[in-house]
């Protein structure tokens, strides 16, 4: 089917009618809304500032705790004394040995736990709600409002009419209908009937004001309780954090103090053993000063062997101690790293779950928005198509009506033309007959003149 030009500009008559029908048919058969009329929903974009950063929940790397400097065995090595000539010497005395001093540690500022101090926030302090008495809750105000309904020259309101009639009737019975007492009685009747109504109205306003004040105070108390609970929770969190930090620093300082104490103890024992060995050698020399040089040499040789053996034993013990300290520190660092890794892993899982839930919520909202937009677009397209089809059928009905009217008009004009032709023909025949009659009459008159 050749493509038709549906532009309406500059067209008239049948061409304009065809263009309108073609354009309406396009709308009736449309499968998509025209450009610019489709609703495109604005989707929620995922923003980096809305997601939790996994790095924020990770503990910073902590340098491993290094063990105390290993004990140098060289400073405790002993050298065998050089054999000397046998001589008479004075016995050597063991000197005074300074008593071992215990290494005293001091707590650092970080290991002292400071109690977290809390302070109530301004929002958690409840303030009593107060209100001034509403003038509408007073009987005086309500009586004034009731008396405003009484106007000069107009009938009394329903609440005052009956009491005034009763008071007037009573005064008339007593013959005082036109007196000042009757007027005063009418006024008193109006006042007495108006006071209960005004009192009830004032009570209603007072009850509403009291309920509003109670609701306001209750809302203030609930808000203050919620803020106070939040302050207590924040204080507990700060206290727990301070306690954990103090425990970590205290444990580290106790371990360092233990290492220093053990090192000082081993150093003191080595110095004391060296002094005792030297004194024993000198005393032995005094004991054997009367013996031969050979015995002295034998003694010093044996003494050197003992000293070397003792030095090797001390060296092995010190090295074992150093290795055990390094292993202990490595084990402590591994435990600390494991705990840190577990914490970081738990935080990463929680942050990932939070981010996944946020993305899921965004996708759900975007899907709901897209579905709503699709529904509106489909409804608009359906309405547009239905309206176009209705318009198209209306055009077809109008064209059919016009064609029927044109056909009937043509038939009517043809019928009228036929009737007119018949009338003209009848008139012509009648004229011919009359003319023929006239000629006959004239001919007869000419032949038979009178």
Protein backbone atom coordinates (compact mmCIF):
# COMPACT_ATOMS: atom_id res chain seq x y z
CA UNK A 1 0.00 0.00 0.00
CA UNK A 2 1.46 3.33 -1.06
CA UNK A 3 2.36 5.65 1.77
CA UNK A 4 -0.10 8.52 2.05
CA UNK A 5 0.74 12.07 2.97
CA UNK A 6 -1.13 12.74 6.24
CA UNK A 7 -0.09 16.39 6.48
CA UNK A 8 -3.21 18.59 6.85
CA UNK A 9 -1.59 21.94 6.09
CA UNK A 10 -2.79 23.48 2.78
CA UNK A 11 -5.37 20.79 2.02
CA UNK A 12 -9.08 21.27 1.43
CA UNK A 13 -12.10 19.34 0.30
CA UNK A 14 -11.77 15.67 -0.48
CA UNK A 15 -7.97 15.78 -0.12
CA UNK A 16 -8.32 17.19 3.42
CA UNK A 17 -10.97 14.56 4.25
CA UNK A 18 -8.71 11.72 3.04
CA UNK A 19 -5.77 13.12 5.05
CA UNK A 20 -7.90 13.32 8.21
CA UNK A 21 -9.14 9.74 7.76
CA UNK A 22 -5.58 8.53 7.11
CA UNK A 23 -4.24 10.33 10.18
CA UNK A 24 -7.04 8.96 12.38
CA UNK A 25 -6.43 5.44 11.04
CA UNK A 26 -2.72 5.75 11.92
CA UNK A 27 -3.64 6.64 15.49
CA UNK A 28 -6.15 3.76 15.67
CA UNK A 29 -3.49 1.27 14.50
CA UNK A 30 -0.64 2.81 16.53
CA UNK A 31 1.48 0.34 18.53
CA UNK A 32 3.49 3.00 20.36
CA UNK A 33 2.86 6.46 21.72
CA UNK A 34 4.08 9.44 19.67
CA UNK A 35 7.54 10.74 20.42
CA UNK A 36 7.58 13.06 23.40
CA UNK A 37 4.45 11.59 25.05
CA UNK A 38 6.03 8.46 26.53
CA UNK A 39 6.58 8.67 30.30
CA UNK A 40 10.21 7.82 31.07
CA UNK A 41 10.53 7.28 34.85
CA UNK A 42 13.49 8.78 36.65
CA UNK A 43 15.41 5.85 38.11
CA UNK A 44 17.25 5.98 41.39
CA UNK A 45 20.94 5.96 40.66
CA UNK A 46 23.31 4.23 43.01
CA UNK A 47 25.65 6.80 44.55
CA UNK A 48 28.94 6.10 46.17
CA UNK A 49 28.06 8.30 49.13
CA UNK A 50 25.04 6.08 49.91
CA UNK A 51 27.06 2.86 50.17
CA UNK A 52 29.11 1.85 53.16
CA UNK A 53 32.83 1.78 52.47
CA UNK A 54 34.29 -1.57 53.46
CA UNK A 55 37.55 0.18 54.34
CA UNK A 56 35.69 2.18 57.02
CA UNK A 57 34.96 -1.02 58.96
CA UNK A 58 38.51 -2.38 58.77
CA UNK A 59 40.96 -2.03 61.63
CA UNK A 60 44.24 -0.45 60.60
CA UNK A 61 47.22 -2.70 60.42
CA UNK A 62 49.11 -2.83 63.69
CA UNK A 63 52.81 -3.38 63.77
CA UNK A 64 53.63 -6.69 65.46
CA UNK A 65 55.05 -6.45 68.94
CA UNK A 66 58.75 -7.07 68.85
CA UNK A 67 60.28 -9.13 71.67
CA UNK A 68 62.86 -7.59 73.93
CA UNK A 69 66.41 -7.62 72.65
CA UNK A 70 67.88 -11.12 73.02
CA UNK A 71 70.42 -11.64 75.78
CA UNK A 72 73.99 -11.47 74.47
CA UNK A 73 75.77 -14.60 75.63
CA UNK A 74 79.20 -13.11 74.96
CA UNK A 75 79.02 -10.85 77.99
CA UNK A 76 78.70 -13.90 80.27
CA UNK A 77 81.50 -16.00 78.76
CA UNK A 78 84.28 -16.88 81.18
CA UNK A 79 87.89 -17.38 80.31
CA UNK A 80 89.93 -19.98 82.16
CA UNK A 81 92.49 -18.34 84.44
CA UNK A 82 96.11 -18.43 83.33
CA UNK A 83 98.19 -20.76 85.46
CA UNK A 84 100.52 -18.80 87.70
CA UNK A 85 103.58 -19.70 89.59
CA UNK A 86 102.85 -21.28 92.84
CA UNK A 87 103.08 -18.69 95.49
CA UNK A 88 101.77 -17.97 98.83
CA UNK A 89 98.70 -15.81 98.37
CA UNK A 90 96.05 -14.56 100.63
CA UNK A 91 92.71 -16.30 100.33
CA UNK A 92 90.27 -14.34 98.18
CA UNK A 93 87.01 -13.36 99.70
CA UNK A 94 83.78 -13.18 97.87
CA UNK A 95 82.76 -9.56 97.67
CA UNK A 96 79.43 -8.19 98.53
CA UNK A 97 76.93 -8.90 95.80
CA UNK A 98 74.28 -6.30 95.24
CA UNK A 99 70.84 -7.75 95.85
CA UNK A 100 68.74 -8.40 92.77
CA UNK A 101 66.50 -5.48 91.97
CA UNK A 102 63.05 -6.29 90.71
CA UNK A 103 62.16 -4.39 87.55
CA UNK A 104 59.34 -2.05 88.44
CA UNK A 105 56.83 -1.23 85.73
CA UNK A 106 54.53 1.72 85.46
CA UNK A 107 51.18 1.93 83.78
CA UNK A 108 51.01 4.15 80.73
CA UNK A 109 48.27 6.67 80.22
CA UNK A 110 46.74 4.47 77.51
CA UNK A 111 46.31 1.48 79.89
CA UNK A 112 44.42 3.50 82.49
CA UNK A 113 40.73 3.21 81.80
CA UNK A 114 38.90 6.50 81.95
CA UNK A 115 35.24 6.22 82.82
CA UNK A 116 33.16 7.63 80.02
CA UNK A 117 31.15 10.60 81.22
CA UNK A 118 27.69 11.05 79.76
CA UNK A 119 25.63 14.18 79.54
CA UNK A 120 21.97 14.43 78.79
CA UNK A 121 21.24 16.00 75.44
CA UNK A 122 18.82 18.94 75.38
CA UNK A 123 16.31 16.73 73.57
CA UNK A 124 16.17 14.23 76.48
CA UNK A 125 15.12 16.85 79.07
CA UNK A 126 11.36 16.91 79.33
CA UNK A 127 9.75 20.30 79.77
CA UNK A 128 6.27 20.48 81.19
CA UNK A 129 3.72 21.73 78.68
CA UNK A 130 1.65 24.64 79.95
CA UNK A 131 -1.18 26.60 78.40
CA UNK A 132 -3.20 29.64 79.31
CA UNK A 133 -6.90 29.08 79.83
CA UNK A 134 -8.73 29.56 76.56
CA UNK A 135 -11.28 32.40 76.96
CA UNK A 136 -13.77 30.19 75.10
CA UNK A 137 -13.65 27.75 78.05
CA UNK A 138 -15.23 30.36 80.38
CA UNK A 139 -18.95 30.64 81.02
CA UNK A 140 -18.66 34.43 80.76
CA UNK A 141 -17.36 34.22 77.17
CA UNK A 142 -20.04 31.71 76.13
CA UNK A 143 -22.84 33.84 77.70
CA UNK A 144 -21.50 36.83 75.76
CA UNK A 145 -21.55 34.76 72.55
CA UNK A 146 -25.14 33.63 73.26
CA UNK A 147 -26.33 37.21 73.88
CA UNK A 148 -24.81 38.28 70.55
CA UNK A 149 -27.56 36.24 68.88
CA UNK A 150 -30.19 38.58 70.42
CA UNK A 151 -30.66 41.57 68.11
CA UNK A 152 -33.04 44.50 68.28
CA UNK A 153 -36.15 44.19 66.18
CA UNK A 154 -35.63 40.50 65.47
CA UNK A 155 -37.26 37.44 67.05
CA UNK A 156 -35.53 35.90 70.02
CA UNK A 157 -33.42 32.79 69.38
CA UNK A 158 -34.96 29.41 70.16
CA UNK A 159 -33.09 28.98 73.46
CA UNK A 160 -34.43 32.30 74.85
CA UNK A 161 -37.91 32.45 73.28
CA UNK A 162 -39.61 29.85 75.50
CA UNK A 163 -38.34 31.26 78.88
CA UNK A 164 -39.31 34.83 77.84
CA UNK A 165 -42.82 33.68 76.81
CA UNK A 166 -43.27 31.89 80.14
CA UNK A 167 -42.07 34.92 82.14
CA UNK A 168 -44.26 37.30 80.07
CA UNK A 169 -47.32 35.07 80.48
CA UNK A 170 -46.75 34.90 84.23
CA UNK A 171 -46.42 38.70 84.49
CA UNK A 172 -49.59 39.20 82.43
CA UNK A 173 -51.49 36.82 84.70
CA UNK A 174 -50.46 39.04 87.58
CA UNK A 175 -51.43 42.20 85.68
CA UNK A 176 -47.80 43.34 85.29
CA UNK A 177 -47.40 42.74 81.56
CA UNK A 178 -46.19 46.28 80.71
CA UNK A 179 -44.20 46.98 83.90
CA UNK A 180 -40.47 47.14 84.48
CA UNK A 181 -40.79 43.99 86.58
CA UNK A 182 -41.99 42.11 83.53
CA UNK A 183 -38.94 43.33 81.55
CA UNK A 184 -36.66 42.34 84.43
CA UNK A 185 -38.31 38.94 84.66
CA UNK A 186 -37.80 38.41 80.91
CA UNK A 187 -34.13 39.37 81.22
CA UNK A 188 -33.70 37.03 84.19
CA UNK A 189 -35.38 34.22 82.27
CA UNK A 190 -32.98 34.76 79.36
CA UNK A 191 -30.01 34.77 81.75
CA UNK A 192 -31.17 31.64 83.59
CA UNK A 193 -31.77 29.71 80.35
CA UNK A 194 -28.49 30.89 78.82
CA UNK A 195 -26.21 30.03 81.76
CA UNK A 196 -26.58 26.18 81.48
CA UNK A 197 -25.99 26.34 77.72
CA UNK A 198 -22.95 28.59 78.15
CA UNK A 199 -21.61 26.38 80.94
CA UNK A 200 -21.89 23.25 78.80
CA UNK A 201 -20.18 24.97 75.85
CA UNK A 202 -17.38 26.23 78.13
CA UNK A 203 -16.92 22.71 79.55
CA UNK A 204 -16.55 21.33 76.01
CA UNK A 205 -13.83 23.87 75.17
CA UNK A 206 -12.10 23.26 78.51
CA UNK A 207 -12.15 19.47 77.95
CA UNK A 208 -10.67 19.89 74.45
CA UNK A 209 -7.94 22.22 75.81
CA UNK A 210 -7.08 19.77 78.64
CA UNK A 211 -6.89 16.87 76.14
CA UNK A 212 -4.63 18.91 73.84
CA UNK A 213 -2.37 19.81 76.79
CA UNK A 214 -2.25 16.13 77.86
CA UNK A 215 -1.38 15.00 74.32
CA UNK A 216 1.35 17.66 74.08
CA UNK A 217 2.87 16.63 77.44
CA UNK A 218 2.73 12.92 76.50
CA UNK A 219 4.50 13.60 73.19
CA UNK A 220 7.19 15.63 75.02
CA UNK A 221 7.73 12.80 77.55
CA UNK A 222 7.98 10.14 74.84
CA UNK A 223 10.49 12.21 72.85
CA UNK A 224 12.55 12.89 75.99
CA UNK A 225 12.55 9.17 76.92
CA UNK A 226 13.70 8.19 73.43
CA UNK A 227 16.52 10.78 73.47
CA UNK A 228 17.60 9.70 76.98
CA UNK A 229 17.72 6.05 75.90
CA UNK A 230 19.89 7.05 72.95
CA UNK A 231 22.25 8.98 75.32
CA UNK A 232 22.57 5.91 77.63
CA UNK A 233 23.32 3.63 74.65
CA UNK A 234 26.02 6.01 73.35
CA UNK A 235 27.57 6.21 76.84
CA UNK A 236 27.66 2.39 77.16
CA UNK A 237 29.33 2.13 73.75
CA UNK A 238 32.01 4.66 74.69
CA UNK A 239 32.60 2.88 78.04
CA UNK A 240 32.99 -0.52 76.34
CA UNK A 241 35.42 0.91 73.78
CA UNK A 242 37.53 2.54 76.54
CA UNK A 243 37.61 -0.73 78.52
CA UNK A 244 38.76 -2.78 75.50
CA UNK A 245 41.51 -0.27 74.65
CA UNK A 246 42.75 -0.20 78.26
CA UNK A 247 42.84 -4.03 78.42
CA UNK A 248 44.89 -4.24 75.22
CA UNK A 249 47.49 -1.68 76.38
CA UNK A 250 47.68 -3.24 79.90
CA UNK A 251 48.26 -6.75 78.49
CA UNK A 252 51.05 -5.45 76.27
CA UNK A 253 52.78 -3.60 79.10
CA UNK A 254 52.58 -6.63 81.46
CA UNK A 255 54.20 -8.84 78.82
CA UNK A 256 57.01 -6.30 78.23
CA UNK A 257 57.60 -6.00 82.00
CA UNK A 258 57.77 -9.81 82.35
CA UNK A 259 60.39 -10.03 79.58
CA UNK A 260 62.56 -7.31 81.16
CA UNK A 261 62.31 -8.99 84.60
CA UNK A 262 63.41 -12.38 83.22
CA UNK A 263 66.33 -10.79 81.37
CA UNK A 264 67.50 -8.97 84.52
CA UNK A 265 67.24 -12.19 86.55
CA UNK A 266 69.37 -14.19 84.11
CA UNK A 267 71.98 -11.39 83.96
CA UNK A 268 72.23 -11.27 87.75
CA UNK A 269 72.58 -15.06 88.01
CA UNK A 270 75.38 -15.06 85.42
CA UNK A 271 77.31 -12.30 87.21
CA UNK A 272 76.89 -14.04 90.56
CA UNK A 273 78.07 -17.40 89.12
CA UNK A 274 81.15 -15.73 87.60
CA UNK A 275 82.08 -14.11 90.89
CA UNK A 276 81.67 -17.40 92.78
CA UNK A 277 83.79 -19.25 90.23
CA UNK A 278 86.61 -16.68 90.43
CA UNK A 279 86.60 -16.80 94.20
CA UNK A 280 86.65 -20.61 94.13
CA UNK A 281 89.67 -20.59 91.81
CA UNK A 282 91.58 -18.19 93.99
CA UNK A 283 90.74 -20.10 97.14
CA UNK A 284 91.86 -23.32 95.48
CA UNK A 285 95.13 -21.66 94.57
CA UNK A 286 95.65 -20.82 98.22
CA UNK A 287 94.89 -24.41 99.15
CA UNK A 288 97.37 -25.78 96.64
CA UNK A 289 100.05 -23.11 96.95
CA UNK A 290 102.29 -25.62 98.68
CA UNK A 291 101.95 -28.19 95.86
CA UNK A 292 103.88 -28.39 92.66
CA UNK A 293 103.33 -26.31 89.53
CA UNK A 294 102.14 -29.46 87.76
CA UNK A 295 99.28 -29.84 90.21
CA UNK A 296 98.49 -26.18 89.77
CA UNK A 297 98.45 -26.62 85.97
CA UNK A 298 96.26 -29.70 86.30
CA UNK A 299 93.89 -27.78 88.50
CA UNK A 300 93.66 -24.83 86.11
CA UNK A 301 93.21 -27.19 83.17
CA UNK A 302 90.33 -28.88 84.90
CA UNK A 303 89.01 -25.50 86.00
CA UNK A 304 89.13 -24.22 82.38
CA UNK A 305 87.17 -27.28 81.25
CA UNK A 306 84.55 -26.65 83.88
CA UNK A 307 84.37 -22.96 82.97
CA UNK A 308 83.98 -23.77 79.25
CA UNK A 309 81.31 -26.36 80.03
CA UNK A 310 79.47 -23.89 82.24
CA UNK A 311 79.76 -21.20 79.53
CA UNK A 312 78.34 -23.55 76.89
CA UNK A 313 75.48 -24.55 79.19
CA UNK A 314 74.66 -20.90 79.92
CA UNK A 315 74.86 -20.10 76.19
CA UNK A 316 72.45 -22.93 75.35
CA UNK A 317 70.07 -21.85 78.14
CA UNK A 318 70.15 -18.21 76.99
CA UNK A 319 69.59 -19.18 73.36
CA UNK A 320 66.68 -21.43 74.37
CA UNK A 321 65.21 -18.55 76.36
CA UNK A 322 65.64 -16.13 73.45
CA UNK A 323 64.00 -18.61 71.05
CA UNK A 324 61.12 -19.25 73.46
CA UNK A 325 60.54 -15.48 73.80
CA UNK A 326 60.52 -15.02 70.03
CA UNK A 327 58.06 -17.91 69.68
CA UNK A 328 55.84 -16.47 72.40
CA UNK A 329 55.80 -13.05 70.75
CA UNK A 330 55.16 -14.59 67.32
CA UNK A 331 52.26 -16.60 68.78
CA UNK A 332 50.85 -13.47 70.46
CA UNK A 333 51.14 -11.48 67.22
CA UNK A 334 49.47 -14.31 65.28
CA UNK A 335 46.58 -14.40 67.76
CA UNK A 336 46.17 -10.63 67.54
CA UNK A 337 46.26 -10.75 63.73
CA UNK A 338 43.72 -13.62 63.69
CA UNK A 339 41.36 -11.65 65.91
CA UNK A 340 41.83 -8.56 63.71
CA UNK A 341 41.21 -10.58 60.54
CA UNK A 342 38.05 -12.11 62.03
CA UNK A 343 36.78 -8.67 63.01
CA UNK A 344 37.58 -7.24 59.56
CA UNK A 345 35.88 -10.22 57.89
CA UNK A 346 32.73 -9.81 60.00
CA UNK A 347 32.66 -6.09 59.27
CA UNK A 348 33.13 -6.73 55.54
CA UNK A 349 30.24 -9.22 55.52
CA UNK A 350 27.95 -6.81 57.37
CA UNK A 351 28.88 -3.89 55.11
CA UNK A 352 28.43 -6.08 52.00
CA UNK A 353 25.02 -7.21 53.29
CA UNK A 354 24.02 -3.59 53.95
CA UNK A 355 25.16 -2.51 50.46
CA UNK A 356 23.39 -5.49 48.86
CA UNK A 357 20.17 -4.64 50.72
CA UNK A 358 20.48 -0.99 49.59
CA UNK A 359 21.02 -2.03 45.97
CA UNK A 360 18.08 -4.46 46.24
CA UNK A 361 15.88 -1.65 47.56
CA UNK A 362 16.99 0.64 44.70
CA UNK A 363 16.25 -2.07 42.11
CA UNK A 364 12.85 -2.75 43.68
CA UNK A 365 11.97 0.96 43.65
CA UNK A 366 13.20 1.35 40.05
CA UNK A 367 11.23 -1.73 38.97
CA UNK A 368 8.06 -0.42 40.65
CA UNK A 369 8.56 2.99 39.01
CA UNK A 370 9.18 1.42 35.60
CA UNK A 371 6.09 -0.81 35.96
CA UNK A 372 3.98 2.21 36.92
CA UNK A 373 5.31 4.18 33.92
CA UNK A 374 4.69 1.21 31.61
CA UNK A 375 1.15 0.93 32.94
CA UNK A 376 0.50 4.65 32.35
CA UNK A 377 2.05 4.47 28.84
CA UNK A 378 -0.02 1.39 27.97
CA UNK A 379 -3.16 3.05 29.31
CA UNK A 380 -2.41 6.24 27.34
CA UNK A 381 -1.76 4.22 24.17
CA UNK A 382 -4.99 2.24 24.70
CA UNK A 383 -6.98 5.44 25.29
CA UNK A 384 -5.38 7.05 22.22
CA UNK A 385 -6.15 4.01 20.05
CA UNK A 386 -9.72 3.70 21.34
CA UNK A 387 -10.35 7.41 20.81
CA UNK A 388 -8.87 7.26 17.31
CA UNK A 389 -10.99 4.21 16.45
CA UNK A 390 -14.09 5.98 17.78
CA UNK A 391 -13.21 9.05 15.70
CA UNK A 392 -12.58 6.86 12.64
CA UNK A 393 -15.94 5.11 13.04
CA UNK A 394 -17.58 8.50 13.47
CA UNK A 395 -15.93 9.65 10.21
CA UNK A 396 -17.20 6.52 8.49
CA UNK A 397 -20.68 7.09 9.90
CA UNK A 398 -20.60 10.73 8.79
CA UNK A 399 -19.44 9.71 5.30
CA UNK A 400 -22.17 7.09 5.07
CA UNK A 401 -24.76 9.61 6.23
CA UNK A 402 -23.45 12.19 3.79
CA UNK A 403 -23.49 9.67 0.92
CA UNK A 404 -27.04 8.62 1.84
CA UNK A 405 -28.12 12.26 2.03
CA UNK A 406 -26.41 13.05 -1.29
CA UNK A 407 -28.07 10.01 -2.91
CA UNK A 408 -31.47 10.98 -1.55
CA UNK A 409 -30.96 14.59 -2.64
CA UNK A 410 -29.97 13.43 -6.15
CA UNK A 411 -33.02 11.18 -6.35
CA UNK A 412 -35.22 13.98 -5.03
CA UNK A 413 -33.82 16.45 -7.58
CA UNK A 414 -34.25 13.86 -10.38
CA UNK A 415 -37.82 13.26 -9.21
CA UNK A 416 -38.52 16.96 -9.11
CA UNK A 417 -36.95 17.37 -12.53
CA UNK A 418 -39.14 14.56 -13.86
CA UNK A 419 -42.25 16.14 -12.36
CA UNK A 420 -41.22 19.49 -13.81
CA UNK A 421 -40.61 17.90 -17.21
CA UNK A 422 -43.98 16.15 -17.04
CA UNK A 423 -45.66 19.41 -16.11
CA UNK A 424 -43.90 21.24 -18.98
CA UNK A 425 -44.87 18.46 -21.38
CA UNK A 426 -48.49 18.52 -20.20
CA UNK A 427 -48.59 22.29 -20.53
CA UNK A 428 -47.13 22.06 -24.06
CA UNK A 429 -49.70 19.47 -25.08
CA UNK A 430 -52.45 21.56 -23.55
CA UNK A 431 -51.15 24.61 -25.43
CA UNK A 432 -51.03 22.69 -28.68
CA UNK A 433 -54.61 21.47 -28.12
CA UNK A 434 -55.83 24.96 -27.36
CA UNK A 435 -53.96 26.38 -30.35
CA UNK A 436 -55.42 23.74 -32.60
CA UNK A 437 -58.89 24.49 -31.23
CA UNK A 438 -58.28 28.19 -31.81
CA UNK A 439 -57.22 27.58 -35.41
CA UNK A 440 -60.29 25.43 -36.01
CA UNK A 441 -62.59 28.07 -34.52
CA UNK A 442 -60.94 30.80 -36.55
CA UNK A 443 -61.16 28.75 -39.67
CA UNK A 444 -64.84 28.07 -39.08
CA UNK A 445 -65.50 31.72 -38.34
CA UNK A 446 -63.72 32.70 -41.53
CA UNK A 447 -65.70 30.17 -43.51
CA UNK A 448 -69.02 30.97 -41.89
CA UNK A 449 -68.91 34.60 -41.01
CA UNK A 450 -71.71 35.65 -38.81
